């Protein structure tokens, strides 16, 4: 979670990010246990994004394209792709 100390919300509030790979037809239900752990929620936004992968590794075309962002909050897979 991030807070006022990170200059993204008012003092006394927190912003939480829950991220996961969708496995069913009801993604909001899948994150239910995590949502319950947060307690009182003032606003909640849920979005689902498709995941894409490049068709080739870039060695032939010299075009280096990362995969879609992974469910971590720090985009670890994209960082690994770039490195």
PDB file of N, CA and C in Angstrom:
ATOM      1  N   UNK A   1       0.839  -1.177   0.000  1.00  0.00           N
ATOM      2  CA  UNK A   1       0.000   0.000   0.000  1.00  0.00           C
ATOM      3  C   UNK A   1       0.881   1.236   0.000  1.00  0.00           C
ATOM      4  N   UNK A   2       0.336   2.276  -0.569  1.00  0.00           N
ATOM      5  CA  UNK A   2       1.014   3.566  -0.558  1.00  0.00           C
ATOM      6  C   UNK A   2       0.108   4.581   0.123  1.00  0.00           C
ATOM      7  N   UNK A   3       0.683   5.694   0.562  1.00  0.00           N
ATOM      8  CA  UNK A   3      -0.082   6.614   1.397  1.00  0.00           C
ATOM      9  C   UNK A   3       0.321   8.065   1.163  1.00  0.00           C
ATOM     10  N   UNK A   4      -0.095   8.904   2.094  1.00  0.00           N
ATOM     11  CA  UNK A   4       0.243  10.319   2.116  1.00  0.00           C
ATOM     12  C   UNK A   4       1.762  10.511   2.028  1.00  0.00           C
ATOM     13  N   UNK A   5       2.502   9.610   2.653  1.00  0.00           N
ATOM     14  CA  UNK A   5       3.968   9.706   2.642  1.00  0.00           C
ATOM     15  C   UNK A   5       4.523   9.626   1.224  1.00  0.00           C
ATOM     16  N   UNK A   6       3.771   9.015   0.318  1.00  0.00           N
ATOM     17  CA  UNK A   6       4.189   8.893  -1.077  1.00  0.00           C
ATOM     18  C   UNK A   6       3.585  10.002  -1.949  1.00  0.00           C
ATOM     19  N   UNK A   7       2.870  10.941  -1.323  1.00  0.00           N
ATOM     20  CA  UNK A   7       2.252  12.093  -1.991  1.00  0.00           C
ATOM     21  C   UNK A   7       1.231  11.687  -3.055  1.00  0.00           C
ATOM     22  N   UNK A   8       0.434  10.657  -2.750  1.00  0.00           N
ATOM     23  CA  UNK A   8      -0.580  10.249  -3.726  1.00  0.00           C
ATOM     24  C   UNK A   8      -2.002  10.305  -3.192  1.00  0.00           C
ATOM     25  N   UNK A   9      -2.183  10.600  -1.908  1.00  0.00           N
ATOM     26  CA  UNK A   9      -3.532  10.700  -1.350  1.00  0.00           C
ATOM     27  C   UNK A   9      -3.483  11.583  -0.096  1.00  0.00           C
ATOM     28  N   UNK A  10      -4.670  11.906   0.412  1.00  0.00           N
ATOM     29  CA  UNK A  10      -4.765  12.762   1.590  1.00  0.00           C
ATOM     30  C   UNK A  10      -4.228  12.041   2.830  1.00  0.00           C
ATOM     31  N   UNK A  11      -3.795  12.813   3.795  1.00  0.00           N
ATOM     32  CA  UNK A  11      -3.277  12.259   5.044  1.00  0.00           C
ATOM     33  C   UNK A  11      -4.342  11.384   5.706  1.00  0.00           C
ATOM     34  N   UNK A  12      -3.933  10.211   6.182  1.00  0.00           N
ATOM     35  CA  UNK A  12      -4.848   9.290   6.835  1.00  0.00           C
ATOM     36  C   UNK A  12      -5.494   8.286   5.887  1.00  0.00           C
ATOM     37  N   UNK A  13      -5.196   8.392   4.598  1.00  0.00           N
ATOM     38  CA  UNK A  13      -5.746   7.469   3.611  1.00  0.00           C
ATOM     39  C   UNK A  13      -4.623   6.646   2.983  1.00  0.00           C
ATOM     40  N   UNK A  14      -5.001   5.518   2.406  1.00  0.00           N
ATOM     41  CA  UNK A  14      -4.061   4.637   1.732  1.00  0.00           C
ATOM     42  C   UNK A  14      -4.638   4.235   0.385  1.00  0.00           C
ATOM     43  N   UNK A  15      -3.767   3.924  -0.550  1.00  0.00           N
ATOM     44  CA  UNK A  15      -4.164   3.392  -1.847  1.00  0.00           C
ATOM     45  C   UNK A  15      -3.585   1.989  -1.936  1.00  0.00           C
ATOM     46  N   UNK A  16      -4.441   1.012  -2.192  1.00  0.00           N
ATOM     47  CA  UNK A  16      -4.000  -0.378  -2.301  1.00  0.00           C
ATOM     48  C   UNK A  16      -4.223  -0.870  -3.725  1.00  0.00           C
ATOM     49  N   UNK A  17      -3.326  -1.709  -4.196  1.00  0.00           N
ATOM     50  CA  UNK A  17      -3.449  -2.312  -5.515  1.00  0.00           C
ATOM     51  C   UNK A  17      -3.526  -3.825  -5.322  1.00  0.00           C
ATOM     52  N   UNK A  18      -4.554  -4.421  -5.892  1.00  0.00           N
ATOM     53  CA  UNK A  18      -4.678  -5.885  -5.882  1.00  0.00           C
ATOM     54  C   UNK A  18      -4.572  -6.311  -7.333  1.00  0.00           C
ATOM     55  N   UNK A  19      -3.676  -7.214  -7.619  1.00  0.00           N
ATOM     56  CA  UNK A  19      -3.460  -7.632  -8.992  1.00  0.00           C
ATOM     57  C   UNK A  19      -3.319  -9.143  -9.048  1.00  0.00           C
ATOM     58  N   UNK A  20      -3.907  -9.744 -10.074  1.00  0.00           N
ATOM     59  CA  UNK A  20      -3.859 -11.196 -10.197  1.00  0.00           C
ATOM     60  C   UNK A  20      -4.119 -11.599 -11.641  1.00  0.00           C
ATOM     61  N   UNK A  21      -3.799 -12.828 -11.947  1.00  0.00           N
ATOM     62  CA  UNK A  21      -4.151 -13.400 -13.249  1.00  0.00           C
ATOM     63  C   UNK A  21      -5.578 -13.929 -13.135  1.00  0.00           C
ATOM     64  N   UNK A  22      -6.435 -13.579 -14.079  1.00  0.00           N
ATOM     65  CA  UNK A  22      -7.827 -14.024 -14.063  1.00  0.00           C
ATOM     66  C   UNK A  22      -7.892 -15.506 -14.414  1.00  0.00           C
ATOM     67  N   UNK A  23      -8.606 -16.265 -13.589  1.00  0.00           N
ATOM     68  CA  UNK A  23      -8.717 -17.705 -13.807  1.00  0.00           C
ATOM     69  C   UNK A  23     -10.153 -18.166 -14.006  1.00  0.00           C
ATOM     70  N   UNK A  24     -11.136 -17.296 -13.728  1.00  0.00           N
ATOM     71  CA  UNK A  24     -12.542 -17.665 -13.856  1.00  0.00           C
ATOM     72  C   UNK A  24     -13.291 -16.580 -14.620  1.00  0.00           C
ATOM     73  N   UNK A  25     -14.607 -16.754 -14.742  1.00  0.00           N
ATOM     74  CA  UNK A  25     -15.444 -15.739 -15.386  1.00  0.00           C
ATOM     75  C   UNK A  25     -15.829 -14.616 -14.436  1.00  0.00           C
ATOM     76  N   UNK A  26     -15.375 -14.698 -13.182  1.00  0.00           N
ATOM     77  CA  UNK A  26     -15.737 -13.693 -12.189  1.00  0.00           C
ATOM     78  C   UNK A  26     -14.484 -13.164 -11.492  1.00  0.00           C
ATOM     79  N   UNK A  27     -13.733 -12.287 -12.149  1.00  0.00           N
ATOM     80  CA  UNK A  27     -12.473 -11.808 -11.568  1.00  0.00           C
ATOM     81  C   UNK A  27     -12.640 -11.058 -10.251  1.00  0.00           C
ATOM     82  N   UNK A  28     -13.740 -10.337 -10.096  1.00  0.00           N
ATOM     83  CA  UNK A  28     -13.928  -9.590  -8.855  1.00  0.00           C
ATOM     84  C   UNK A  28     -14.097 -10.538  -7.664  1.00  0.00           C
ATOM     85  N   UNK A  29     -14.734 -11.672  -7.893  1.00  0.00           N
ATOM     86  CA  UNK A  29     -14.874 -12.669  -6.833  1.00  0.00           C
ATOM     87  C   UNK A  29     -13.510 -13.291  -6.495  1.00  0.00           C
ATOM     88  N   UNK A  30     -12.665 -13.450  -7.492  1.00  0.00           N
ATOM     89  CA  UNK A  30     -11.341 -14.043  -7.272  1.00  0.00           C
ATOM     90  C   UNK A  30     -10.501 -13.220  -6.303  1.00  0.00           C
ATOM     91  N   UNK A  31     -10.627 -11.905  -6.364  1.00  0.00           N
ATOM     92  CA  UNK A  31      -9.828 -11.051  -5.479  1.00  0.00           C
ATOM     93  C   UNK A  31     -10.543 -10.761  -4.159  1.00  0.00           C
ATOM     94  N   UNK A  32     -11.714 -11.365  -3.956  1.00  0.00           N
ATOM     95  CA  UNK A  32     -12.508 -11.157  -2.746  1.00  0.00           C
ATOM     96  C   UNK A  32     -11.741 -11.298  -1.445  1.00  0.00           C
ATOM     97  N   UNK A  33     -10.969 -12.377  -1.252  1.00  0.00           N
ATOM     98  CA  UNK A  33     -10.222 -12.516   0.010  1.00  0.00           C
ATOM     99  C   UNK A  33      -9.250 -11.353   0.254  1.00  0.00           C
ATOM    100  N   UNK A  34      -8.616 -10.867  -0.778  1.00  0.00           N
ATOM    101  CA  UNK A  34      -7.696  -9.730  -0.617  1.00  0.00           C
ATOM    102  C   UNK A  34      -8.468  -8.460  -0.287  1.00  0.00           C
ATOM    103  N   UNK A  35      -9.600  -8.252  -0.941  1.00  0.00           N
ATOM    104  CA  UNK A  35     -10.429  -7.076  -0.679  1.00  0.00           C
ATOM    105  C   UNK A  35     -10.896  -7.075   0.776  1.00  0.00           C
ATOM    106  N   UNK A  36     -11.305  -8.231   1.286  1.00  0.00           N
ATOM    107  CA  UNK A  36     -11.768  -8.334   2.675  1.00  0.00           C
ATOM    108  C   UNK A  36     -10.677  -7.943   3.665  1.00  0.00           C
ATOM    109  N   UNK A  37      -9.427  -8.232   3.343  1.00  0.00           N
ATOM    110  CA  UNK A  37      -8.316  -7.908   4.243  1.00  0.00           C
ATOM    111  C   UNK A  37      -8.087  -6.399   4.363  1.00  0.00           C
ATOM    112  N   UNK A  38      -8.570  -5.630   3.388  1.00  0.00           N
ATOM    113  CA  UNK A  38      -8.331  -4.191   3.391  1.00  0.00           C
ATOM    114  C   UNK A  38      -9.233  -3.431   4.356  1.00  0.00           C
ATOM    115  N   UNK A  39     -10.356  -4.001   4.717  1.00  0.00           N
ATOM    116  CA  UNK A  39     -11.278  -3.294   5.611  1.00  0.00           C
ATOM    117  C   UNK A  39     -12.174  -2.341   4.833  1.00  0.00           C
ATOM    118  N   UNK A  40     -12.410  -1.159   5.385  1.00  0.00           N
ATOM    119  CA  UNK A  40     -13.303  -0.187   4.759  1.00  0.00           C
ATOM    120  C   UNK A  40     -12.677   0.364   3.476  1.00  0.00           C
ATOM    121  N   UNK A  41     -13.448   0.324   2.409  1.00  0.00           N
ATOM    122  CA  UNK A  41     -12.974   0.824   1.110  1.00  0.00           C
ATOM    123  C   UNK A  41     -13.886   1.963   0.679  1.00  0.00           C
ATOM    124  N   UNK A  42     -13.303   3.126   0.391  1.00  0.00           N
ATOM    125  CA  UNK A  42     -14.097   4.276  -0.041  1.00  0.00           C
ATOM    126  C   UNK A  42     -14.454   4.196  -1.517  1.00  0.00           C
ATOM    127  N   UNK A  43     -13.503   3.816  -2.339  1.00  0.00           N
ATOM    128  CA  UNK A  43     -13.730   3.665  -3.775  1.00  0.00           C
ATOM    129  C   UNK A  43     -12.932   2.476  -4.270  1.00  0.00           C
ATOM    130  N   UNK A  44     -13.499   1.774  -5.254  1.00  0.00           N
ATOM    131  CA  UNK A  44     -12.808   0.612  -5.807  1.00  0.00           C
ATOM    132  C   UNK A  44     -13.027   0.595  -7.321  1.00  0.00           C
ATOM    133  N   UNK A  45     -11.953   0.373  -8.040  1.00  0.00           N
ATOM    134  CA  UNK A  45     -12.000   0.287  -9.492  1.00  0.00           C
ATOM    135  C   UNK A  45     -11.481  -1.088  -9.887  1.00  0.00           C
ATOM    136  N   UNK A  46     -12.209  -1.789 -10.725  1.00  0.00           N
ATOM    137  CA  UNK A  46     -11.792  -3.111 -11.182  1.00  0.00           C
ATOM    138  C   UNK A  46     -11.665  -3.058 -12.704  1.00  0.00           C
ATOM    139  N   UNK A  47     -10.531  -3.523 -13.209  1.00  0.00           N
ATOM    140  CA  UNK A  47     -10.364  -3.607 -14.655  1.00  0.00           C
ATOM    141  C   UNK A  47      -9.628  -4.897 -14.996  1.00  0.00           C
ATOM    142  N   UNK A  48      -9.923  -5.416 -16.172  1.00  0.00           N
ATOM    143  CA  UNK A  48      -9.291  -6.629 -16.665  1.00  0.00           C
ATOM    144  C   UNK A  48      -8.649  -6.285 -18.004  1.00  0.00           C
ATOM    145  N   UNK A  49      -7.390  -6.648 -18.157  1.00  0.00           N
ATOM    146  CA  UNK A  49      -6.659  -6.368 -19.395  1.00  0.00           C
ATOM    147  C   UNK A  49      -6.169  -7.665 -20.010  1.00  0.00           C
ATOM    148  N   UNK A  50      -6.182  -7.712 -21.326  1.00  0.00           N
ATOM    149  CA  UNK A  50      -5.632  -8.871 -22.024  1.00  0.00           C
ATOM    150  C   UNK A  50      -4.115  -8.871 -21.906  1.00  0.00           C
ATOM    151  N   UNK A  51      -3.528 -10.046 -22.032  1.00  0.00           N
ATOM    152  CA  UNK A  51      -2.073 -10.191 -21.991  1.00  0.00           C
ATOM    153  C   UNK A  51      -1.591 -10.530 -23.399  1.00  0.00           C
ATOM    154  N   UNK A  52      -0.554  -9.848 -23.830  1.00  0.00           N
ATOM    155  CA  UNK A  52       0.000 -10.062 -25.161  1.00  0.00           C
ATOM    156  C   UNK A  52       1.480 -10.413 -25.061  1.00  0.00           C
ATOM    157  N   UNK A  53       1.964 -11.155 -26.041  1.00  0.00           N
ATOM    158  CA  UNK A  53       3.381 -11.505 -26.138  1.00  0.00           C
ATOM    159  C   UNK A  53       3.851 -11.208 -27.550  1.00  0.00           C
ATOM    160  N   UNK A  54       5.111 -10.819 -27.701  1.00  0.00           N
ATOM    161  CA  UNK A  54       5.614 -10.578 -29.058  1.00  0.00           C
ATOM    162  C   UNK A  54       5.661 -11.879 -29.855  1.00  0.00           C
ATOM    163  N   UNK A  55       5.573 -11.758 -31.165  1.00  0.00           N
ATOM    164  CA  UNK A  55       5.586 -12.940 -32.031  1.00  0.00           C
ATOM    165  C   UNK A  55       6.995 -13.494 -32.227  1.00  0.00           C
ATOM    166  N   UNK A  56       8.006 -12.662 -32.000  1.00  0.00           N
ATOM    167  CA  UNK A  56       9.391 -13.142 -32.137  1.00  0.00           C
ATOM    168  C   UNK A  56      10.258 -12.456 -31.091  1.00  0.00           C
ATOM    169  N   UNK A  57      11.486 -12.948 -30.924  1.00  0.00           N
ATOM    170  CA  UNK A  57      12.338 -12.451 -29.843  1.00  0.00           C
ATOM    171  C   UNK A  57      13.142 -11.202 -30.178  1.00  0.00           C
ATOM    172  N   UNK A  58      13.068 -10.708 -31.401  1.00  0.00           N
ATOM    173  CA  UNK A  58      13.747  -9.474 -31.773  1.00  0.00           C
ATOM    174  C   UNK A  58      15.128  -9.653 -32.371  1.00  0.00           C
ATOM    175  N   UNK A  59      15.657 -10.857 -32.332  1.00  0.00           N
ATOM    176  CA  UNK A  59      17.008 -11.083 -32.851  1.00  0.00           C
ATOM    177  C   UNK A  59      17.083 -10.866 -34.357  1.00  0.00           C
ATOM    178  N   UNK A  60      16.047 -11.256 -35.078  1.00  0.00           N
ATOM    179  CA  UNK A  60      16.026 -11.089 -36.543  1.00  0.00           C
ATOM    180  C   UNK A  60      15.693  -9.649 -36.939  1.00  0.00           C
ATOM    181  N   UNK A  61      14.634  -9.107 -36.369  1.00  0.00           N
ATOM    182  CA  UNK A  61      14.126  -7.789 -36.769  1.00  0.00           C
ATOM    183  C   UNK A  61      14.810  -6.640 -36.054  1.00  0.00           C
ATOM    184  N   UNK A  62      15.477  -6.935 -34.943  1.00  0.00           N
ATOM    185  CA  UNK A  62      16.092  -5.918 -34.096  1.00  0.00           C
ATOM    186  C   UNK A  62      15.037  -5.008 -33.455  1.00  0.00           C
ATOM    187  N   UNK A  63      13.809  -5.536 -33.317  1.00  0.00           N
ATOM    188  CA  UNK A  63      12.730  -4.845 -32.615  1.00  0.00           C
ATOM    189  C   UNK A  63      12.484  -5.595 -31.315  1.00  0.00           C
ATOM    190  N   UNK A  64      12.732  -4.947 -30.206  1.00  0.00           N
ATOM    191  CA  UNK A  64      12.616  -5.594 -28.905  1.00  0.00           C
ATOM    192  C   UNK A  64      11.322  -5.138 -28.248  1.00  0.00           C
ATOM    193  N   UNK A  65      10.371  -6.041 -28.158  1.00  0.00           N
ATOM    194  CA  UNK A  65       9.046  -5.737 -27.630  1.00  0.00           C
ATOM    195  C   UNK A  65       8.825  -6.590 -26.387  1.00  0.00           C
ATOM    196  N   UNK A  66       8.434  -5.944 -25.302  1.00  0.00           N
ATOM    197  CA  UNK A  66       8.180  -6.689 -24.065  1.00  0.00           C
ATOM    198  C   UNK A  66       6.792  -7.338 -24.110  1.00  0.00           C
ATOM    199  N   UNK A  67       6.597  -8.310 -23.238  1.00  0.00           N
ATOM    200  CA  UNK A  67       5.278  -8.906 -23.055  1.00  0.00           C
ATOM    201  C   UNK A  67       4.403  -7.878 -22.335  1.00  0.00           C
ATOM    202  N   UNK A  68       3.115  -8.168 -22.219  1.00  0.00           N
ATOM    203  CA  UNK A  68       2.235  -7.314 -21.416  1.00  0.00           C
ATOM    204  C   UNK A  68       2.719  -7.313 -19.973  1.00  0.00           C
ATOM    205  N   UNK A  69       2.348  -6.286 -19.240  1.00  0.00           N
ATOM    206  CA  UNK A  69       2.761  -6.210 -17.840  1.00  0.00           C
ATOM    207  C   UNK A  69       2.195  -7.368 -17.034  1.00  0.00           C
ATOM    208  N   UNK A  70       2.997  -7.873 -16.129  1.00  0.00           N
ATOM    209  CA  UNK A  70       2.574  -8.985 -15.270  1.00  0.00           C
ATOM    210  C   UNK A  70       1.752  -8.438 -14.102  1.00  0.00           C
ATOM    211  N   UNK A  71       1.151  -9.330 -13.303  1.00  0.00           N
ATOM    212  CA  UNK A  71       0.280  -8.847 -12.219  1.00  0.00           C
ATOM    213  C   UNK A  71       1.004  -8.234 -11.023  1.00  0.00           C
ATOM    214  N   UNK A  72       2.310  -8.197 -11.019  1.00  0.00           N
ATOM    215  CA  UNK A  72       3.011  -7.564  -9.902  1.00  0.00           C
ATOM    216  C   UNK A  72       2.880  -6.042 -10.016  1.00  0.00           C
ATOM    217  N   UNK A  73       3.003  -5.357  -8.917  1.00  0.00           N
ATOM    218  CA  UNK A  73       2.888  -3.892  -8.938  1.00  0.00           C
ATOM    219  C   UNK A  73       4.161  -3.228  -9.448  1.00  0.00           C
ATOM    220  N   UNK A  74       5.227  -3.997  -9.625  1.00  0.00           N
ATOM    221  CA  UNK A  74       6.497  -3.419 -10.053  1.00  0.00           C
ATOM    222  C   UNK A  74       6.914  -3.875 -11.449  1.00  0.00           C
ATOM    223  N   UNK A  75       5.997  -4.484 -12.194  1.00  0.00           N
ATOM    224  CA  UNK A  75       6.232  -4.880 -13.587  1.00  0.00           C
ATOM    225  C   UNK A  75       7.504  -5.702 -13.760  1.00  0.00           C
ATOM    226  N   UNK A  76       7.654  -6.735 -12.960  1.00  0.00           N
ATOM    227  CA  UNK A  76       8.879  -7.531 -12.922  1.00  0.00           C
ATOM    228  C   UNK A  76       9.191  -8.228 -14.240  1.00  0.00           C
ATOM    229  N   UNK A  77       8.187  -8.775 -14.908  1.00  0.00           N
ATOM    230  CA  UNK A  77       8.449  -9.486 -16.170  1.00  0.00           C
ATOM    231  C   UNK A  77       8.961  -8.507 -17.229  1.00  0.00           C
ATOM    232  N   UNK A  78       8.354  -7.322 -17.306  1.00  0.00           N
ATOM    233  CA  UNK A  78       8.815  -6.337 -18.289  1.00  0.00           C
ATOM    234  C   UNK A  78      10.256  -5.922 -17.969  1.00  0.00           C
ATOM    235  N   UNK A  79      10.569  -5.779 -16.695  1.00  0.00           N
ATOM    236  CA  UNK A  79      11.947  -5.425 -16.315  1.00  0.00           C
ATOM    237  C   UNK A  79      12.925  -6.510 -16.740  1.00  0.00           C
ATOM    238  N   UNK A  80      12.557  -7.769 -16.532  1.00  0.00           N
ATOM    239  CA  UNK A  80      13.407  -8.885 -16.955  1.00  0.00           C
ATOM    240  C   UNK A  80      13.578  -8.893 -18.473  1.00  0.00           C
ATOM    241  N   UNK A  81      12.486  -8.637 -19.216  1.00  0.00           N
ATOM    242  CA  UNK A  81      12.558  -8.583 -20.673  1.00  0.00           C
ATOM    243  C   UNK A  81      13.546  -7.505 -21.131  1.00  0.00           C
ATOM    244  N   UNK A  82      13.475  -6.349 -20.501  1.00  0.00           N
ATOM    245  CA  UNK A  82      14.346  -5.232 -20.893  1.00  0.00           C
ATOM    246  C   UNK A  82      15.797  -5.547 -20.581  1.00  0.00           C
ATOM    247  N   UNK A  83      16.034  -6.114 -19.417  1.00  0.00           N
ATOM    248  CA  UNK A  83      17.417  -6.456 -19.046  1.00  0.00           C
ATOM    249  C   UNK A  83      17.959  -7.534 -19.958  1.00  0.00           C
TER     250      UNK A  83
END
